[in-house]
Protein backbone atom coordinates (compact mmCIF):
# COMPACT_ATOMS: atom_id res chain seq x y z
CA ASN A 1 71.92 68.41 82.97
CA TYR A 2 69.00 69.72 83.68
CA ASP A 3 66.83 67.00 81.44
CA ASN A 4 67.26 64.76 84.46
CA ARG A 5 66.63 67.35 87.53
CA PRO A 6 63.23 67.18 88.98
CA TYR A 7 61.37 69.70 87.24
CA GLY A 8 64.36 70.08 85.18
CA THR A 9 62.32 70.57 81.91
CA ALA A 10 59.86 72.89 83.32
CA ASN A 11 61.36 75.91 82.19
CA GLU A 12 62.06 74.58 78.37
CA LYS A 13 58.21 73.71 77.42
CA ILE A 14 56.98 76.72 79.13
CA LEU A 15 59.31 78.88 77.09
CA LYS A 16 58.42 77.02 74.03
CA ALA A 17 54.02 77.26 74.79
CA LEU A 18 54.67 81.32 76.04
CA TYR A 19 57.06 82.11 72.59
CA PRO A 20 56.27 81.67 69.10
CA PRO A 21 58.39 79.47 67.18
CA THR A 22 60.75 81.93 65.79
CA HIS A 23 61.24 84.70 68.85
CA PRO A 24 64.51 83.59 70.14
CA TYR A 25 63.39 83.09 73.29
CA SER A 26 61.26 80.04 72.69
CA TRP A 27 64.18 77.05 72.36
CA PRO A 28 67.13 76.55 75.66
CA VAL A 29 70.45 79.21 75.01
CA ILE A 30 71.93 75.57 74.74
CA GLY A 31 69.88 74.68 71.88
CA TYR A 32 69.03 70.84 71.25
CA MET A 33 70.91 67.69 71.30
CA GLU A 34 69.33 67.02 67.77
CA ASP A 35 70.70 70.65 65.86
CA LEU A 36 73.81 69.95 67.14
CA SER A 37 73.48 66.53 65.90
CA ALA A 38 72.29 67.28 62.22
CA ALA A 39 74.64 70.45 62.40
CA SER A 40 77.69 69.65 60.30
CA MET A 41 81.76 71.05 60.91
CA GLU A 42 81.42 73.84 58.37
CA ASP A 43 77.46 74.86 60.39
CA VAL A 44 79.81 75.09 63.30
CA LYS A 45 82.78 77.31 61.66
CA ASN A 46 79.77 79.97 60.55
CA PHE A 47 77.90 80.06 63.48
CA PHE A 48 80.92 80.92 65.87
CA LYS A 49 82.60 83.19 63.48
CA THR A 50 79.21 85.27 62.43
CA TYR A 51 78.69 85.34 66.69
CA TYR A 52 82.01 85.25 68.53
CA ALA A 53 82.72 88.37 67.46
CA PRO A 54 84.64 91.16 68.85
CA ASN A 55 81.54 93.23 67.55
CA ASN A 56 79.84 90.89 69.08
CA ALA A 57 81.25 90.72 72.40
CA CYS A 58 81.44 93.10 75.72
CA LEU A 59 85.34 92.51 77.41
CA VAL A 60 85.35 94.02 80.75
CA VAL A 61 88.15 93.78 83.27
CA ALA A 62 87.50 94.30 86.82
CA GLY A 63 89.64 94.22 90.55
CA ASP A 64 92.87 96.46 91.40
CA ILE A 65 94.14 97.01 88.01
CA ASN A 66 96.26 99.49 86.01
CA PRO A 67 94.30 100.90 83.02
CA GLY A 68 97.64 101.84 81.61
CA GLU A 69 99.23 98.60 81.31
CA ILE A 70 95.48 96.87 80.78
CA LYS A 71 94.81 97.92 77.39
CA PRO A 72 97.40 96.73 75.43
CA LEU A 73 97.36 94.27 76.74
CA ILE A 74 93.72 93.86 76.04
CA GLU A 75 95.76 94.64 72.17
CA LYS A 76 98.23 92.28 72.19
CA TYR A 77 95.58 89.28 72.56
CA PHE A 78 92.41 90.36 71.21
CA GLY A 79 92.96 93.37 69.01
CA PRO A 80 93.93 90.84 65.61
CA ILE A 81 91.00 89.35 65.92
CA PRO A 82 88.56 89.79 62.79
CA GLN A 83 85.16 91.52 62.96
CA GLY A 84 82.93 89.02 61.94
CA LYS A 85 79.66 89.03 59.20
CA ASN A 86 77.15 92.35 60.02
CA PHE A 87 73.67 90.94 61.40
CA ASP A 88 70.46 91.89 62.16
CA ARG A 89 69.51 91.92 65.76
CA PRO A 90 66.14 90.52 67.20
CA LYS A 91 63.94 93.73 68.43
CA PRO A 92 61.79 93.43 70.89
CA VAL A 93 57.91 93.49 69.79
CA GLU A 94 54.70 92.48 71.31
CA LEU A 95 53.71 89.39 72.37
CA LYS A 96 50.25 88.34 72.80
CA LEU A 97 48.92 84.81 73.89
CA LYS A 98 46.25 83.94 71.58
CA GLN A 99 44.65 81.41 73.89
CA GLN A 100 45.80 80.74 77.64
CA GLU A 101 48.19 77.12 77.83
CA ARG A 102 47.28 74.19 79.48
CA LEU A 103 49.94 71.68 79.67
CA ALA A 104 51.09 69.33 81.89
CA TYR A 105 53.73 66.01 82.28
CA GLU A 106 54.89 63.74 84.90
CA ASP A 107 58.24 63.65 87.20
CA LYS A 108 60.03 62.03 88.93
CA VAL A 109 59.65 64.07 92.19
CA GLN A 110 57.80 64.10 95.74
CA LEU A 111 55.85 66.99 95.02
CA PRO A 112 52.95 68.33 92.34
CA ARG A 113 54.26 71.93 91.41
CA ILE A 114 52.12 74.67 89.09
CA TYR A 115 53.98 76.94 86.54
CA LEU A 116 51.35 79.80 85.46
CA THR A 117 53.73 82.07 83.82
CA TRP A 118 52.49 85.36 81.06
CA HIS A 119 54.00 87.95 79.20
CA SER A 120 55.45 91.40 80.78
CA ALA A 121 57.91 93.89 80.38
CA PRO A 122 61.24 93.42 78.97
CA ALA A 123 64.46 94.79 81.32
CA ASN A 124 65.57 98.19 81.85
CA THR A 125 61.98 99.53 81.21
CA ARG A 126 59.14 101.09 83.79
CA GLU A 127 57.30 98.48 83.72
CA ASP A 128 59.41 95.83 84.38
CA ALA A 129 60.31 97.58 87.41
CA VAL A 130 57.06 97.93 88.81
CA MET A 131 56.67 94.41 87.91
CA ASP A 132 58.97 93.44 89.63
CA VAL A 133 57.10 95.21 92.56
CA PHE A 134 54.30 93.89 91.76
CA SER A 135 56.31 90.27 92.22
CA SER A 136 57.93 91.10 95.30
CA ILE A 137 54.86 91.64 97.35
CA LEU A 138 52.90 88.95 95.90
CA GLY A 139 55.55 86.28 95.91
CA ARG A 140 58.93 86.90 97.55
CA GLY A 141 59.76 86.50 101.02
CA LYS A 142 57.74 84.62 103.99
CA ASN A 143 55.81 88.52 104.63
CA SER A 144 54.73 87.88 100.84
CA ARG A 145 50.90 87.62 99.84
CA LEU A 146 51.14 84.28 98.26
CA TYR A 147 53.43 82.46 101.14
CA LYS A 148 51.32 83.88 103.81
CA SER A 149 48.38 82.80 102.39
CA LEU A 150 49.09 78.57 101.15
CA VAL A 151 51.92 77.93 103.24
CA TYR A 152 51.43 79.14 106.40
CA ASP A 153 47.33 80.04 106.92
CA LYS A 154 46.26 77.28 105.00
CA GLN A 155 48.44 75.39 104.61
CA ILE A 156 48.23 73.92 101.33
CA ALA A 157 51.24 74.54 99.78
CA GLN A 158 55.01 73.56 100.55
CA SER A 159 56.40 77.08 99.23
CA ALA A 160 55.06 79.46 97.19
CA PHE A 161 57.01 81.96 94.94
CA ALA A 162 56.27 85.14 92.60
CA SER A 163 59.15 86.78 90.00
CA GLN A 164 59.55 89.00 87.37
CA GLU A 165 62.67 87.70 84.49
CA GLY A 166 63.36 91.48 82.33
CA SER A 167 65.43 89.68 79.60
CA GLU A 168 67.13 92.54 76.55
CA ILE A 169 63.99 92.22 74.59
CA ALA A 170 60.82 90.34 76.07
CA GLY A 171 59.71 89.47 79.28
CA SER A 172 58.15 87.08 81.51
CA PHE A 173 56.11 87.16 85.11
CA GLN A 174 55.66 83.47 86.23
CA ILE A 175 54.08 82.31 89.73
CA GLN A 176 55.42 79.19 91.15
CA ILE A 177 54.19 76.74 93.86
CA THR A 178 54.84 73.33 94.85
CA ALA A 179 51.72 71.88 96.73
CA LYS A 180 51.50 69.52 100.08
CA PRO A 181 51.21 65.40 99.67
CA GLU A 182 48.00 64.44 97.96
CA LYS A 183 47.24 68.69 97.41
CA THR A 184 45.85 69.07 93.54
CA LEU A 185 47.16 71.96 91.62
CA THR A 186 43.51 72.69 90.69
CA GLU A 187 43.22 74.29 94.54
CA MET A 188 46.25 75.88 94.47
CA GLU A 189 45.59 77.74 90.66
CA GLN A 190 42.10 78.68 92.63
CA ASN A 191 43.63 79.43 95.65
CA VAL A 192 46.34 81.84 93.54
CA ASN A 193 43.36 83.11 91.27
CA GLU A 194 41.48 84.38 94.83
CA ILE A 195 44.66 86.11 95.96
CA LEU A 196 44.97 87.59 92.71
CA ASN A 197 41.41 89.09 92.49
CA LYS A 198 41.64 89.93 95.78
CA LEU A 199 45.34 91.89 95.22
CA PHE A 200 43.29 93.57 92.31
CA SER A 201 40.26 95.11 94.07
CA GLU A 202 42.11 95.42 97.48
CA GLY A 203 45.06 97.39 96.02
CA VAL A 204 48.91 97.15 97.32
CA THR A 205 50.35 100.14 100.29
CA GLN A 206 52.47 102.24 99.88
CA SER A 207 54.75 100.70 103.05
CA GLU A 208 54.63 97.21 100.91
CA ILE A 209 56.22 99.52 97.71
CA ASP A 210 58.49 101.24 99.78
CA LYS A 211 59.92 97.56 100.94
CA SER A 212 60.20 95.68 97.84
CA VAL A 213 62.18 99.15 96.74
CA ILE A 214 64.20 98.81 99.19
CA ALA A 215 64.70 95.08 99.04
CA ARG A 216 66.14 95.54 95.49
CA GLU A 217 68.41 98.05 96.54
CA VAL A 218 70.26 95.79 98.60
CA GLN A 219 70.35 93.41 96.32
CA ILE A 220 71.63 95.68 93.93
CA ILE A 221 73.94 96.91 96.52
CA ASN A 222 75.30 93.57 97.63
CA SER A 223 76.01 92.57 93.51
CA ALA A 224 78.23 95.11 93.55
CA SER A 225 80.57 94.31 97.04
CA THR A 226 83.04 91.54 94.22
CA ALA A 227 84.64 92.31 91.30
CA LEU A 228 83.10 89.73 89.50
CA GLY A 229 79.61 91.26 90.49
CA LYS A 230 80.66 94.21 89.53
CA SER A 231 82.19 93.52 85.85
CA ILE A 232 78.84 90.79 85.25
CA SER A 233 76.76 93.81 86.14
CA LEU A 234 78.90 96.14 83.40
CA ALA A 235 78.81 93.58 80.98
CA ASN A 236 75.26 93.64 81.20
CA PHE A 237 74.17 96.82 81.03
CA TYR A 238 76.79 97.47 77.79
CA SER A 239 75.11 94.95 76.55
CA TYR A 240 71.67 95.99 76.74
CA THR A 241 71.65 99.78 77.11
CA GLY A 242 74.93 100.15 74.88
CA ASN A 243 76.42 102.47 78.22
CA PRO A 244 77.86 100.75 81.42
CA GLU A 245 77.49 103.85 83.59
CA ASN A 246 73.86 102.79 83.68
CA ILE A 247 75.42 100.64 86.55
CA ASN A 248 74.85 104.09 88.50
CA LYS A 249 71.00 104.73 87.20
CA GLN A 250 69.63 101.69 88.24
CA MET A 251 67.22 103.04 91.14
CA GLU A 252 65.52 105.42 89.09
CA LEU A 253 63.36 103.57 87.16
CA TYR A 254 61.70 102.87 90.90
CA LYS A 255 61.48 106.50 91.98
CA GLY A 256 58.26 107.50 92.89
CA ILE A 257 56.23 103.90 92.19
CA THR A 258 52.77 104.28 93.00
CA PRO A 259 49.95 101.63 94.12
CA GLN A 260 47.76 102.83 91.81
CA GLU A 261 50.81 102.16 89.39
CA VAL A 262 51.39 99.03 90.69
CA ILE A 263 48.09 97.56 90.13
CA THR A 264 47.80 99.19 86.51
CA THR A 265 50.93 97.03 85.56
CA ALA A 266 50.55 93.95 86.52
CA LYS A 267 46.38 94.01 85.34
CA LYS A 268 47.55 95.26 82.03
CA TYR A 269 49.59 92.39 82.43
CA LEU A 270 48.15 89.21 84.49
CA ASN A 271 45.07 89.72 82.88
CA GLU A 272 46.37 88.45 78.71
CA ALA A 273 46.23 84.57 78.56
CA SER A 274 48.84 82.50 80.13
CA VAL A 275 51.10 79.29 80.68
CA VAL A 276 49.22 77.00 82.53
CA LEU A 277 52.36 74.32 83.55
CA SER A 278 51.22 71.09 85.69
CA VAL A 279 54.98 68.67 87.08
CA VAL A 280 53.46 65.92 88.92
CA PRO A 281 54.39 62.90 90.02
CA GLU A 282 54.94 59.74 88.18
CA GLY A 283 51.47 58.20 87.80
CA LYS A 284 49.86 61.23 89.49
CA LEU A 285 48.17 62.83 86.32
CA GLU A 286 45.04 63.80 88.69
CA LEU A 287 46.74 65.96 90.65
CA ALA A 288 47.03 68.33 87.62
CA ALA A 289 45.48 71.79 86.78
CA LYS A 290 42.19 71.38 85.65
CA LYS A 291 40.11 74.13 83.27
CA GLY A 292 37.63 75.72 85.02
CA GLU A 293 36.65 74.04 88.33
């Protein structure tokens, strides 16, 4: 249960602030308890019939199998299941916050943490790949810009991380900094902005890009080393793109990424309004990030 984990409800609060109320990414996949409590048995049955149906499902069988033996079994056990109702799927739309959203809450945590989140590119796009490379250079691993500056050099942060999360109809880019005890999140935010501005003005190197692309390729290869990993990837690519063979084309989006492309794309998204969330220990609300300080 993420409700009683340290920082557990942070992502829920971020998504609610980042997306409009009607967007499917504005609420958790599992929903809210009040909605479940309010649902009737008829509501549950209708939901199941609509969405848990063959026309909204993908079946992958992976392992040491014989297709000639498997197909009759699939037809036997899944063939009789009736098709569900047709429904409209959400389509990608341009998302933009009108202004920065700043949130803060106290939690049962030892260290203050700040999350800075922007709208970004959806999955399986060139910009998703470019922002993934930028996130790697900025904050993935101990050689990243954020980690070296805040954790190693200045020693004001416990951890520093950046990620690009491309999903089916939208994406988000997030920076997450966990501060050292009694350090303010205002200081963390100021340092992040300085690092970003320096990156935007000085750029990144082709060597940094190449290292990031190689790391991503290694990750893709490792994820395909098991039958489970292959099956998950095949299902994802079929669901997202309509073609499971796109599993073999993942790295094409990363080909020829240039330093200028990385900075131009990063500026496009990170110069827009963001959601800034501070999570602080109980009774330490003064450690939350303050705007303009």
